[in-house]
Protein backbone atom coordinates (compact mmCIF):
# COMPACT_ATOMS: atom_id res chain seq x y z
CA MET A 1 -19.06 -12.90 9.50
CA LEU A 2 -17.67 -14.04 6.13
CA LYS A 3 -20.96 -13.23 4.44
CA LYS A 4 -20.70 -9.64 5.64
CA ARG A 5 -17.22 -9.31 4.11
CA LYS A 6 -17.68 -11.27 0.89
CA PHE A 7 -16.59 -8.41 -1.38
CA THR A 8 -13.59 -7.64 0.82
CA ILE A 9 -12.45 -11.26 0.50
CA LEU A 10 -13.18 -11.27 -3.24
CA PHE A 11 -11.29 -8.01 -3.87
CA ILE A 12 -8.22 -9.00 -1.85
CA GLY A 13 -8.23 -12.47 -3.41
CA TRP A 14 -8.42 -10.91 -6.88
CA LEU A 15 -5.44 -8.65 -6.09
CA VAL A 16 -3.42 -11.66 -4.91
CA LEU A 17 -4.34 -13.60 -8.05
CA ILE A 18 -3.42 -10.74 -10.40
CA THR A 19 -0.15 -10.10 -8.60
CA SER A 20 0.84 -13.76 -8.64
CA LEU A 21 -0.03 -14.34 -12.28
CA SER A 22 1.57 -11.07 -13.37
CA LEU A 23 4.90 -11.39 -11.59
CA PHE A 24 5.78 -15.06 -11.89
CA SER A 25 6.42 -16.95 -15.10
CA PHE A 26 4.31 -20.05 -15.65
CA SER A 27 5.55 -21.04 -19.09
CA SER A 28 5.23 -24.65 -20.15
CA GLU A 29 5.60 -26.78 -23.25
CA SER A 30 1.86 -26.72 -23.91
CA GLU A 31 2.03 -22.92 -24.19
CA ASP A 32 3.84 -23.28 -27.51
CA ARG A 33 0.99 -25.36 -28.95
CA ILE A 34 -1.78 -22.96 -27.99
CA TRP A 35 -1.66 -19.71 -29.92
CA PHE A 36 -4.22 -16.96 -29.79
CA PRO A 37 -3.20 -13.49 -30.95
CA ASN A 38 -3.01 -10.97 -28.12
CA LEU A 39 -4.42 -13.36 -25.54
CA ASP A 40 -2.31 -11.71 -22.86
CA LYS A 41 -3.90 -8.33 -23.63
CA ILE A 42 -7.37 -9.84 -23.23
CA VAL A 43 -6.22 -11.22 -19.88
CA HIS A 44 -4.99 -7.76 -18.83
CA VAL A 45 -8.32 -6.18 -19.80
CA THR A 46 -10.19 -8.87 -17.86
CA PHE A 47 -7.96 -8.54 -14.78
CA HIS A 48 -8.46 -4.79 -14.52
CA PHE A 49 -12.12 -4.85 -15.50
CA PHE A 50 -12.89 -7.08 -12.53
CA LEU A 51 -10.41 -5.23 -10.32
CA VAL A 52 -12.55 -2.11 -10.70
CA VAL A 53 -15.87 -3.96 -10.37
CA PHE A 54 -14.79 -5.92 -7.28
CA GLY A 55 -13.07 -2.85 -5.86
CA VAL A 56 -16.19 -0.71 -6.13
CA LEU A 57 -18.19 -3.44 -4.37
CA PHE A 58 -15.45 -3.65 -1.70
CA LEU A 59 -15.62 0.12 -1.12
CA LYS A 60 -19.41 0.01 -0.95
CA GLU A 61 -19.23 -2.81 1.58
CA ASN A 62 -16.76 -0.95 3.79
CA PHE A 63 -17.19 2.78 3.15
CA HIS A 64 -20.71 3.13 1.73
CA LYS A 65 -21.59 6.09 3.94
CA HIS A 66 -18.43 8.04 3.16
CA LEU A 67 -17.98 7.72 -0.60
CA SER A 68 -20.40 8.39 -3.44
CA MET A 69 -20.56 5.96 -6.35
CA GLY A 70 -18.72 8.40 -8.62
CA LYS A 71 -15.88 8.77 -6.12
CA ARG A 72 -15.65 4.98 -5.69
CA VAL A 73 -15.43 4.44 -9.45
CA GLY A 74 -12.90 7.24 -9.93
CA PHE A 75 -10.76 6.01 -7.06
CA LEU A 76 -10.76 2.44 -8.34
CA ILE A 77 -9.90 3.41 -11.91
CA GLY A 78 -6.98 5.46 -10.55
CA PHE A 79 -5.96 2.61 -8.24
CA SER A 80 -6.10 0.13 -11.12
CA ILE A 81 -3.89 2.33 -13.30
CA ILE A 82 -1.30 2.85 -10.56
CA TYR A 83 -1.41 -0.83 -9.60
CA GLY A 84 -0.92 -1.85 -13.25
CA LEU A 85 2.03 0.53 -13.62
CA LEU A 86 3.58 -0.85 -10.44
CA ILE A 87 3.19 -4.43 -11.71
CA GLU A 88 4.84 -3.48 -15.01
CA LEU A 89 7.70 -1.78 -13.14
CA LEU A 90 8.18 -4.86 -10.95
CA GLN A 91 8.16 -7.10 -14.03
CA SER A 92 11.00 -5.06 -15.51
CA ILE A 93 13.22 -5.33 -12.42
CA MET A 94 12.40 -8.77 -10.98
CA PRO A 95 14.28 -11.86 -12.21
CA PHE A 96 11.25 -14.04 -13.03
CA GLY A 97 11.42 -13.88 -16.82
CA ARG A 98 8.66 -11.29 -17.23
CA THR A 99 8.95 -8.09 -19.24
CA ALA A 100 7.12 -4.78 -19.06
CA GLU A 101 5.14 -3.61 -22.09
CA ILE A 102 3.36 -0.36 -22.84
CA TRP A 103 0.59 -2.38 -24.53
CA ASP A 104 -0.07 -4.13 -21.21
CA VAL A 105 -0.49 -0.73 -19.56
CA LEU A 106 -2.97 0.30 -22.26
CA ALA A 107 -4.86 -2.99 -21.87
CA ASN A 108 -5.00 -2.42 -18.10
CA LEU A 109 -6.36 1.08 -18.67
CA THR A 110 -8.97 -0.24 -21.11
CA GLY A 111 -10.16 -2.86 -18.65
CA ALA A 112 -10.34 -0.36 -15.79
CA VAL A 113 -12.34 2.15 -17.83
CA LEU A 114 -14.71 -0.54 -19.13
CA GLY A 115 -15.25 -1.77 -15.56
CA GLY A 116 -15.95 1.79 -14.43
CA LEU A 117 -18.39 2.36 -17.29
CA LEU A 118 -20.24 -0.86 -16.48
CA ILE A 119 -20.53 0.09 -12.82
CA GLN A 120 -21.75 3.58 -13.71
CA ARG A 121 -24.28 2.15 -16.20
CA TYR A 122 -25.73 -0.30 -13.69
CA ARG A 123 -25.15 1.74 -10.53
CA SER A 124 -28.82 1.47 -9.54
CA LEU A 125 -28.33 -2.26 -8.99
CA ILE A 126 -25.40 -1.60 -6.65
CA ASP A 127 -26.48 1.56 -4.83
CA THR A 128 -29.42 0.01 -3.05
């Protein structure tokens, strides 16, 4: 049963992980010692890259007869953009010490598009 729904579990788990890490502050003293320019933007790109990849696999697993690969990719890129905007909005209004940034939105968009391009490039491996 779990084997049949592995991408569903992976996609939902990924959404929970992104939401948790995006909305709650996990700052610590060691954070001040580790500095890497724009690390958070790389994290945003990675989050949304895999959101699209896992999401396309989730849709294939559950709706493979109803949606073409192009529609799956387009839907997931759109979903990723809306989801990222929602997270940024929630960061601006929730009291957890997080702030919304336009650069985060652009990093989310970049990750989503790169994920979509990768899926489209290697669609023959997925559409079997």
